[in-house]
């Protein structure tokens, strides 16, 4: 489903870069918006892998190999988590009916190490994408992004 109104922008939607962003970090990216309010927007690139795996990070060397996604150019010193397991991971902020942002990191790592299908239910990101109030709306209006879908699978 394609959207035409900037007011349609909300958490849970995915946007895709257009050719106007070729040559930038955002070339060929899809971004899941996880927050959108009067202060701005936050999202994660969902289609770029990070060059290292979770177990290659010193503080998580005890973990099993687990893919990391390159979530964006902001705050690349921290891990961010999106998950569909509030039954296993406490403290997450509900984004959609089945998707949560953040939570207890010890529980995240425990779930990763114990779940056989964890990659479908837990995504780890290095960095995120952030826009100040009105900035993403402006980029949508100028044609840098298009809306892709209105739900998360």
N, C-alpha and C. Protein backbone atom coordinates (compact mmCIF):
# COMPACT_ATOMS: atom_id res chain seq x y z
N UNK A 1 0.84 -1.17 0.00
CA UNK A 1 0.00 0.00 0.00
C UNK A 1 0.89 1.24 0.00
N UNK A 2 0.59 2.17 -0.85
CA UNK A 2 1.38 3.40 -0.92
C UNK A 2 0.59 4.53 -0.26
N UNK A 3 1.32 5.42 0.38
CA UNK A 3 0.71 6.53 1.10
C UNK A 3 1.04 7.83 0.40
N UNK A 4 0.14 8.78 0.51
CA UNK A 4 0.36 10.08 -0.11
C UNK A 4 0.43 11.20 0.91
N UNK A 5 -0.15 11.00 2.08
CA UNK A 5 -0.20 12.06 3.08
C UNK A 5 0.92 11.90 4.10
N UNK A 6 1.59 13.00 4.42
CA UNK A 6 2.64 12.96 5.44
C UNK A 6 2.07 12.58 6.80
N UNK A 7 0.79 12.89 7.02
CA UNK A 7 0.17 12.56 8.30
C UNK A 7 0.02 11.06 8.48
N UNK A 8 0.23 10.28 7.41
CA UNK A 8 0.17 8.82 7.50
C UNK A 8 1.42 8.25 8.17
N UNK A 9 2.44 9.05 8.36
CA UNK A 9 3.67 8.59 8.96
C UNK A 9 3.43 8.21 10.42
N UNK A 10 3.79 6.97 10.79
CA UNK A 10 3.60 6.50 12.16
C UNK A 10 4.50 5.31 12.42
N UNK A 11 4.65 4.96 13.68
CA UNK A 11 5.44 3.80 14.07
C UNK A 11 4.83 2.55 13.45
N UNK A 12 5.69 1.65 12.97
CA UNK A 12 5.25 0.41 12.36
C UNK A 12 5.28 0.43 10.85
N UNK A 13 5.45 1.62 10.25
CA UNK A 13 5.53 1.72 8.79
C UNK A 13 6.96 1.55 8.32
N UNK A 14 7.10 1.09 7.09
CA UNK A 14 8.41 0.97 6.47
C UNK A 14 8.50 1.95 5.31
N UNK A 15 9.62 2.65 5.25
CA UNK A 15 9.88 3.54 4.13
C UNK A 15 11.09 3.00 3.36
N UNK A 16 11.15 3.34 2.08
CA UNK A 16 12.24 2.88 1.23
C UNK A 16 12.88 4.09 0.56
N UNK A 17 14.22 4.07 0.47
CA UNK A 17 14.93 5.18 -0.17
C UNK A 17 14.65 5.18 -1.67
N UNK A 18 14.72 6.36 -2.25
CA UNK A 18 14.57 6.50 -3.70
C UNK A 18 15.95 6.76 -4.31
N UNK A 19 15.97 6.88 -5.62
CA UNK A 19 17.24 7.11 -6.32
C UNK A 19 17.91 8.42 -5.92
N UNK A 20 17.19 9.33 -5.28
CA UNK A 20 17.80 10.60 -4.88
C UNK A 20 18.84 10.40 -3.77
N UNK A 21 18.83 9.23 -3.13
CA UNK A 21 19.78 8.96 -2.04
C UNK A 21 20.94 8.06 -2.48
N UNK A 22 21.08 7.82 -3.79
CA UNK A 22 22.19 7.03 -4.31
C UNK A 22 23.50 7.71 -3.92
N UNK A 23 24.45 6.92 -3.45
CA UNK A 23 25.74 7.44 -3.05
C UNK A 23 25.82 7.83 -1.59
N UNK A 24 24.70 7.69 -0.87
CA UNK A 24 24.70 8.00 0.57
C UNK A 24 24.56 6.72 1.37
N UNK A 25 24.67 6.84 2.69
CA UNK A 25 24.47 5.69 3.58
C UNK A 25 23.12 5.04 3.30
N UNK A 26 22.14 5.82 2.89
CA UNK A 26 20.77 5.35 2.75
C UNK A 26 20.45 4.75 1.38
N UNK A 27 21.44 4.63 0.51
CA UNK A 27 21.19 4.04 -0.80
C UNK A 27 20.63 2.63 -0.65
N UNK A 28 19.52 2.35 -1.32
CA UNK A 28 18.87 1.03 -1.32
C UNK A 28 18.49 0.55 0.08
N UNK A 29 18.01 1.43 0.93
CA UNK A 29 17.64 1.01 2.28
C UNK A 29 16.13 1.01 2.48
N UNK A 30 15.72 0.11 3.36
CA UNK A 30 14.36 0.10 3.89
C UNK A 30 14.48 0.40 5.37
N UNK A 31 13.64 1.28 5.87
CA UNK A 31 13.71 1.69 7.28
C UNK A 31 12.36 1.48 7.93
N UNK A 32 12.37 0.76 9.03
CA UNK A 32 11.18 0.58 9.84
C UNK A 32 11.11 1.73 10.84
N UNK A 33 10.04 2.49 10.79
CA UNK A 33 9.84 3.60 11.73
C UNK A 33 9.34 3.01 13.05
N UNK A 34 10.05 3.31 14.14
CA UNK A 34 9.64 2.78 15.45
C UNK A 34 9.09 3.86 16.37
N UNK A 35 9.37 5.11 16.06
CA UNK A 35 8.81 6.23 16.82
C UNK A 35 8.58 7.40 15.87
N UNK A 36 7.43 8.05 16.05
CA UNK A 36 7.15 9.26 15.30
C UNK A 36 6.22 10.11 16.15
N UNK A 37 6.70 11.29 16.52
CA UNK A 37 5.88 12.19 17.33
C UNK A 37 6.30 13.63 17.05
N UNK A 38 5.83 14.56 17.88
CA UNK A 38 6.11 15.98 17.65
C UNK A 38 7.59 16.32 17.80
N UNK A 39 8.38 15.43 18.39
CA UNK A 39 9.81 15.68 18.55
C UNK A 39 10.63 15.19 17.36
N UNK A 40 10.07 14.26 16.58
CA UNK A 40 10.79 13.73 15.43
C UNK A 40 10.49 12.26 15.21
N UNK A 41 11.41 11.59 14.52
CA UNK A 41 11.20 10.19 14.15
C UNK A 41 12.47 9.39 14.39
N UNK A 42 12.28 8.10 14.69
CA UNK A 42 13.38 7.16 14.86
C UNK A 42 13.03 5.90 14.08
N UNK A 43 14.04 5.32 13.44
CA UNK A 43 13.83 4.09 12.71
C UNK A 43 15.11 3.28 12.62
N UNK A 44 14.98 2.08 12.04
CA UNK A 44 16.12 1.19 11.86
C UNK A 44 16.16 0.69 10.42
N UNK A 45 17.36 0.72 9.82
CA UNK A 45 17.56 0.11 8.51
C UNK A 45 17.41 -1.39 8.71
N UNK A 46 16.55 -2.01 7.94
CA UNK A 46 16.26 -3.43 8.13
C UNK A 46 16.89 -4.34 7.08
N UNK A 47 17.57 -3.77 6.10
CA UNK A 47 18.08 -4.60 5.02
C UNK A 47 19.60 -4.48 4.79
N UNK A 48 20.32 -4.05 5.81
CA UNK A 48 21.79 -3.99 5.71
C UNK A 48 22.40 -4.72 6.90
N UNK A 49 23.24 -5.68 6.61
CA UNK A 49 23.90 -6.39 7.71
C UNK A 49 25.14 -5.63 8.15
N UNK A 50 25.45 -5.78 9.43
CA UNK A 50 26.65 -5.19 10.00
C UNK A 50 27.80 -6.16 9.74
N UNK A 51 29.03 -5.66 9.66
CA UNK A 51 30.17 -6.50 9.29
C UNK A 51 30.57 -7.53 10.36
N UNK A 52 30.10 -7.36 11.57
CA UNK A 52 30.42 -8.32 12.64
C UNK A 52 29.15 -8.99 13.14
N UNK A 53 29.37 -10.14 13.76
CA UNK A 53 28.30 -10.89 14.39
C UNK A 53 28.32 -10.59 15.89
N UNK A 54 27.22 -10.88 16.58
CA UNK A 54 27.12 -10.58 18.01
C UNK A 54 28.29 -11.12 18.80
N UNK A 55 28.67 -12.37 18.59
CA UNK A 55 29.75 -12.99 19.37
C UNK A 55 31.13 -12.38 19.10
N UNK A 56 31.25 -11.56 18.06
CA UNK A 56 32.51 -10.89 17.76
C UNK A 56 32.68 -9.59 18.53
N UNK A 57 31.63 -9.15 19.21
CA UNK A 57 31.71 -7.98 20.07
C UNK A 57 32.22 -8.43 21.43
N UNK A 58 33.21 -7.76 21.98
CA UNK A 58 33.88 -8.20 23.21
C UNK A 58 32.90 -8.51 24.33
N UNK A 59 31.94 -7.63 24.57
CA UNK A 59 31.05 -7.83 25.71
C UNK A 59 30.05 -8.97 25.49
N UNK A 60 29.95 -9.49 24.27
CA UNK A 60 29.03 -10.60 23.99
C UNK A 60 29.75 -11.81 23.41
N UNK A 61 31.04 -11.93 23.71
CA UNK A 61 31.85 -13.02 23.15
C UNK A 61 31.36 -14.40 23.63
N UNK A 62 30.61 -14.46 24.70
CA UNK A 62 30.07 -15.72 25.22
C UNK A 62 28.81 -16.15 24.47
N UNK A 63 28.28 -15.28 23.64
CA UNK A 63 27.05 -15.57 22.92
C UNK A 63 27.33 -16.41 21.69
N UNK A 64 26.30 -17.06 21.19
CA UNK A 64 26.47 -17.79 19.94
C UNK A 64 26.51 -16.78 18.78
N UNK A 65 27.03 -17.19 17.62
CA UNK A 65 27.03 -16.29 16.47
C UNK A 65 25.59 -15.88 16.15
N UNK A 66 25.39 -14.58 15.97
CA UNK A 66 24.05 -14.06 15.71
C UNK A 66 24.21 -12.80 14.88
N UNK A 67 23.48 -12.69 13.78
CA UNK A 67 23.68 -11.54 12.88
C UNK A 67 23.26 -10.22 13.51
N UNK A 68 24.01 -9.20 13.18
CA UNK A 68 23.68 -7.83 13.56
C UNK A 68 23.29 -7.07 12.30
N UNK A 69 22.37 -6.15 12.43
CA UNK A 69 21.97 -5.30 11.32
C UNK A 69 22.56 -3.91 11.51
N UNK A 70 22.88 -3.26 10.41
CA UNK A 70 23.40 -1.90 10.44
C UNK A 70 22.20 -0.97 10.47
N UNK A 71 21.76 -0.61 11.67
CA UNK A 71 20.52 0.12 11.86
C UNK A 71 20.52 1.57 11.43
N UNK A 72 21.69 2.17 11.31
CA UNK A 72 21.75 3.57 10.90
C UNK A 72 23.00 4.27 11.39
N UNK A 73 23.16 5.52 10.98
CA UNK A 73 24.38 6.24 11.27
C UNK A 73 24.45 6.90 12.64
N UNK A 74 23.37 6.84 13.42
CA UNK A 74 23.34 7.51 14.72
C UNK A 74 23.63 6.50 15.84
N UNK A 75 24.46 6.88 16.80
CA UNK A 75 24.78 6.09 17.99
C UNK A 75 25.23 4.68 17.65
N UNK A 76 26.32 4.58 16.94
CA UNK A 76 26.85 3.29 16.50
C UNK A 76 27.67 2.59 17.58
N UNK A 77 27.60 3.09 18.80
CA UNK A 77 28.32 2.48 19.92
C UNK A 77 27.43 1.56 20.74
N UNK A 78 26.13 1.49 20.39
CA UNK A 78 25.20 0.71 21.20
C UNK A 78 24.40 -0.27 20.35
N UNK A 79 23.94 -1.32 21.03
CA UNK A 79 23.03 -2.29 20.40
C UNK A 79 21.60 -1.88 20.70
N UNK A 80 20.73 -2.06 19.72
CA UNK A 80 19.31 -1.81 19.88
C UNK A 80 18.58 -3.08 19.46
N UNK A 81 17.47 -3.36 20.11
CA UNK A 81 16.75 -4.59 19.83
C UNK A 81 15.29 -4.32 19.48
N UNK A 82 14.81 -5.04 18.48
CA UNK A 82 13.39 -5.13 18.16
C UNK A 82 13.03 -6.59 18.32
N UNK A 83 11.91 -6.87 18.96
CA UNK A 83 11.55 -8.28 19.18
C UNK A 83 10.05 -8.49 19.20
N UNK A 84 9.69 -9.75 19.09
CA UNK A 84 8.29 -10.18 19.12
C UNK A 84 8.05 -11.11 20.31
N UNK A 85 8.88 -11.02 21.33
CA UNK A 85 8.81 -11.95 22.47
C UNK A 85 8.72 -11.25 23.82
N UNK A 86 7.63 -10.52 24.06
CA UNK A 86 7.48 -9.89 25.39
C UNK A 86 7.32 -10.92 26.50
N UNK A 87 7.02 -12.16 26.13
CA UNK A 87 6.92 -13.23 27.12
C UNK A 87 8.29 -13.63 27.65
N UNK A 88 9.35 -13.37 26.87
CA UNK A 88 10.71 -13.72 27.28
C UNK A 88 11.57 -12.51 27.63
N UNK A 89 11.21 -11.35 27.08
CA UNK A 89 12.02 -10.15 27.24
C UNK A 89 11.17 -9.06 27.87
N UNK A 90 11.49 -8.71 29.09
CA UNK A 90 10.72 -7.70 29.82
C UNK A 90 11.23 -6.30 29.52
N UNK A 91 10.36 -5.33 29.69
CA UNK A 91 10.75 -3.93 29.61
C UNK A 91 10.74 -3.32 28.23
N UNK A 92 10.27 -4.04 27.23
CA UNK A 92 10.22 -3.48 25.89
C UNK A 92 9.05 -2.51 25.72
N UNK A 93 9.22 -1.56 24.84
CA UNK A 93 8.17 -0.59 24.52
C UNK A 93 7.39 -1.10 23.32
N UNK A 94 6.08 -1.21 23.44
CA UNK A 94 5.24 -1.73 22.37
C UNK A 94 5.22 -0.75 21.20
N UNK A 95 5.58 -1.23 20.01
CA UNK A 95 5.59 -0.42 18.80
C UNK A 95 4.34 -0.71 17.97
N UNK A 96 4.04 -1.98 17.77
CA UNK A 96 2.83 -2.43 17.10
C UNK A 96 2.25 -3.56 17.95
N UNK A 97 1.19 -4.18 17.47
CA UNK A 97 0.58 -5.28 18.24
C UNK A 97 1.53 -6.42 18.52
N UNK A 98 2.51 -6.62 17.67
CA UNK A 98 3.42 -7.74 17.91
C UNK A 98 4.90 -7.38 17.94
N UNK A 99 5.25 -6.10 17.93
CA UNK A 99 6.65 -5.69 17.89
C UNK A 99 6.99 -4.76 19.04
N UNK A 100 8.14 -5.03 19.67
CA UNK A 100 8.59 -4.28 20.83
C UNK A 100 10.00 -3.75 20.60
N UNK A 101 10.28 -2.58 21.15
CA UNK A 101 11.59 -1.94 21.08
C UNK A 101 12.24 -2.03 22.45
N UNK A 102 13.46 -2.55 22.48
CA UNK A 102 14.23 -2.59 23.72
C UNK A 102 13.77 -3.67 24.67
N UNK A 103 14.27 -3.57 25.87
CA UNK A 103 13.97 -4.55 26.90
C UNK A 103 15.23 -4.95 27.63
N UNK A 104 15.08 -5.88 28.53
CA UNK A 104 16.18 -6.37 29.35
C UNK A 104 17.20 -7.10 28.48
N UNK A 105 18.41 -6.53 28.35
CA UNK A 105 19.41 -7.09 27.44
C UNK A 105 19.89 -8.47 27.86
N UNK A 106 19.95 -8.74 29.14
CA UNK A 106 20.32 -10.09 29.58
C UNK A 106 19.31 -11.10 29.08
N UNK A 107 18.03 -10.75 29.14
CA UNK A 107 16.99 -11.64 28.64
C UNK A 107 17.04 -11.76 27.11
N UNK A 108 17.41 -10.69 26.43
CA UNK A 108 17.57 -10.73 24.98
C UNK A 108 18.64 -11.75 24.61
N UNK A 109 19.80 -11.67 25.25
CA UNK A 109 20.90 -12.58 24.94
C UNK A 109 20.53 -14.01 25.30
N UNK A 110 19.87 -14.19 26.43
CA UNK A 110 19.43 -15.54 26.82
C UNK A 110 18.47 -16.11 25.77
N UNK A 111 17.54 -15.30 25.30
CA UNK A 111 16.59 -15.76 24.28
C UNK A 111 17.32 -16.11 22.98
N UNK A 112 18.26 -15.27 22.59
CA UNK A 112 19.04 -15.53 21.37
C UNK A 112 19.76 -16.86 21.48
N UNK A 113 20.37 -17.11 22.64
CA UNK A 113 21.14 -18.33 22.83
C UNK A 113 20.27 -19.58 22.95
N UNK A 114 18.99 -19.41 23.27
CA UNK A 114 18.11 -20.56 23.49
C UNK A 114 17.08 -20.82 22.40
N UNK A 115 16.72 -19.80 21.64
CA UNK A 115 15.69 -19.98 20.61
C UNK A 115 16.29 -20.47 19.30
N UNK A 116 15.66 -21.47 18.71
CA UNK A 116 16.14 -21.95 17.41
C UNK A 116 15.69 -21.04 16.28
N UNK A 117 14.58 -20.34 16.45
CA UNK A 117 14.07 -19.44 15.41
C UNK A 117 14.21 -17.98 15.81
N UNK A 118 15.20 -17.67 16.62
CA UNK A 118 15.37 -16.33 17.16
C UNK A 118 15.52 -15.23 16.13
N UNK A 119 16.13 -15.54 14.97
CA UNK A 119 16.36 -14.49 13.98
C UNK A 119 15.06 -13.95 13.40
N UNK A 120 14.00 -14.72 13.47
CA UNK A 120 12.70 -14.23 13.00
C UNK A 120 12.01 -13.37 14.07
N UNK A 121 12.39 -13.57 15.33
CA UNK A 121 11.69 -12.92 16.43
C UNK A 121 12.48 -11.83 17.12
N UNK A 122 13.79 -11.83 16.94
CA UNK A 122 14.66 -10.84 17.60
C UNK A 122 15.65 -10.29 16.58
N UNK A 123 15.67 -8.98 16.44
CA UNK A 123 16.62 -8.31 15.54
C UNK A 123 17.49 -7.38 16.37
N UNK A 124 18.80 -7.47 16.15
CA UNK A 124 19.75 -6.60 16.83
C UNK A 124 20.36 -5.62 15.83
N UNK A 125 20.44 -4.37 16.24
CA UNK A 125 20.94 -3.31 15.38
C UNK A 125 22.09 -2.57 16.03
N UNK A 126 23.08 -2.22 15.21
CA UNK A 126 24.12 -1.27 15.60
C UNK A 126 23.68 0.05 14.99
N UNK A 127 23.42 1.04 15.82
CA UNK A 127 23.00 2.34 15.33
C UNK A 127 21.52 2.40 14.98
N UNK A 128 21.07 3.64 14.73
CA UNK A 128 19.68 3.87 14.33
C UNK A 128 19.63 5.10 13.43
N UNK A 129 18.46 5.38 12.90
CA UNK A 129 18.23 6.57 12.08
C UNK A 129 17.36 7.52 12.87
N UNK A 130 17.68 8.79 12.85
CA UNK A 130 16.90 9.76 13.60
C UNK A 130 16.68 11.04 12.81
N UNK A 131 15.51 11.61 12.98
CA UNK A 131 15.14 12.86 12.33
C UNK A 131 14.53 13.79 13.36
N UNK A 132 14.86 15.06 13.30
CA UNK A 132 14.23 16.07 14.14
C UNK A 132 12.81 16.31 13.65
N UNK A 133 12.04 17.03 14.44
CA UNK A 133 10.64 17.32 14.10
C UNK A 133 10.53 17.89 12.70
N UNK A 134 9.68 17.30 11.88
CA UNK A 134 9.42 17.77 10.53
C UNK A 134 10.45 17.37 9.48
N UNK A 135 11.60 16.89 9.91
CA UNK A 135 12.68 16.57 8.97
C UNK A 135 12.32 15.40 8.05
N UNK A 136 11.81 14.31 8.61
CA UNK A 136 11.45 13.17 7.77
C UNK A 136 10.29 13.52 6.85
N UNK A 137 9.34 14.27 7.36
CA UNK A 137 8.23 14.71 6.50
C UNK A 137 8.75 15.49 5.30
N UNK A 138 9.73 16.35 5.55
CA UNK A 138 10.34 17.12 4.46
C UNK A 138 11.04 16.23 3.45
N UNK A 139 11.74 15.21 3.93
CA UNK A 139 12.43 14.28 3.04
C UNK A 139 11.44 13.45 2.23
N UNK A 140 10.30 13.10 2.85
CA UNK A 140 9.25 12.40 2.11
C UNK A 140 8.67 13.31 1.02
N UNK A 141 8.44 14.55 1.39
CA UNK A 141 7.85 15.51 0.44
C UNK A 141 8.77 15.77 -0.74
N UNK A 142 10.09 15.84 -0.48
CA UNK A 142 11.03 16.09 -1.57
C UNK A 142 11.30 14.84 -2.40
N UNK A 143 10.78 13.68 -1.96
CA UNK A 143 10.91 12.46 -2.75
C UNK A 143 12.10 11.58 -2.42
N UNK A 144 12.74 11.79 -1.27
CA UNK A 144 13.88 10.95 -0.88
C UNK A 144 13.43 9.56 -0.41
N UNK A 145 12.18 9.47 0.04
CA UNK A 145 11.63 8.23 0.59
C UNK A 145 10.24 7.98 0.03
N UNK A 146 9.86 6.71 -0.01
CA UNK A 146 8.48 6.33 -0.33
C UNK A 146 8.00 5.37 0.75
N UNK A 147 6.70 5.36 0.98
CA UNK A 147 6.10 4.41 1.91
C UNK A 147 6.00 3.04 1.26
N UNK A 148 6.24 1.99 2.02
CA UNK A 148 6.13 0.65 1.48
C UNK A 148 4.92 -0.11 1.99
N UNK A 149 4.82 -0.27 3.31
CA UNK A 149 3.73 -1.08 3.85
C UNK A 149 3.30 -0.55 5.18
N UNK A 150 2.12 -0.98 5.62
CA UNK A 150 1.58 -0.44 6.86
C UNK A 150 1.57 -1.44 8.00
N UNK A 151 2.23 -2.56 7.84
CA UNK A 151 2.33 -3.50 8.96
C UNK A 151 3.69 -4.18 8.96
N UNK A 152 3.99 -4.78 10.08
CA UNK A 152 5.27 -5.46 10.27
C UNK A 152 4.99 -6.94 10.33
N UNK A 153 5.77 -7.70 9.59
CA UNK A 153 5.58 -9.16 9.60
C UNK A 153 6.72 -9.81 10.32
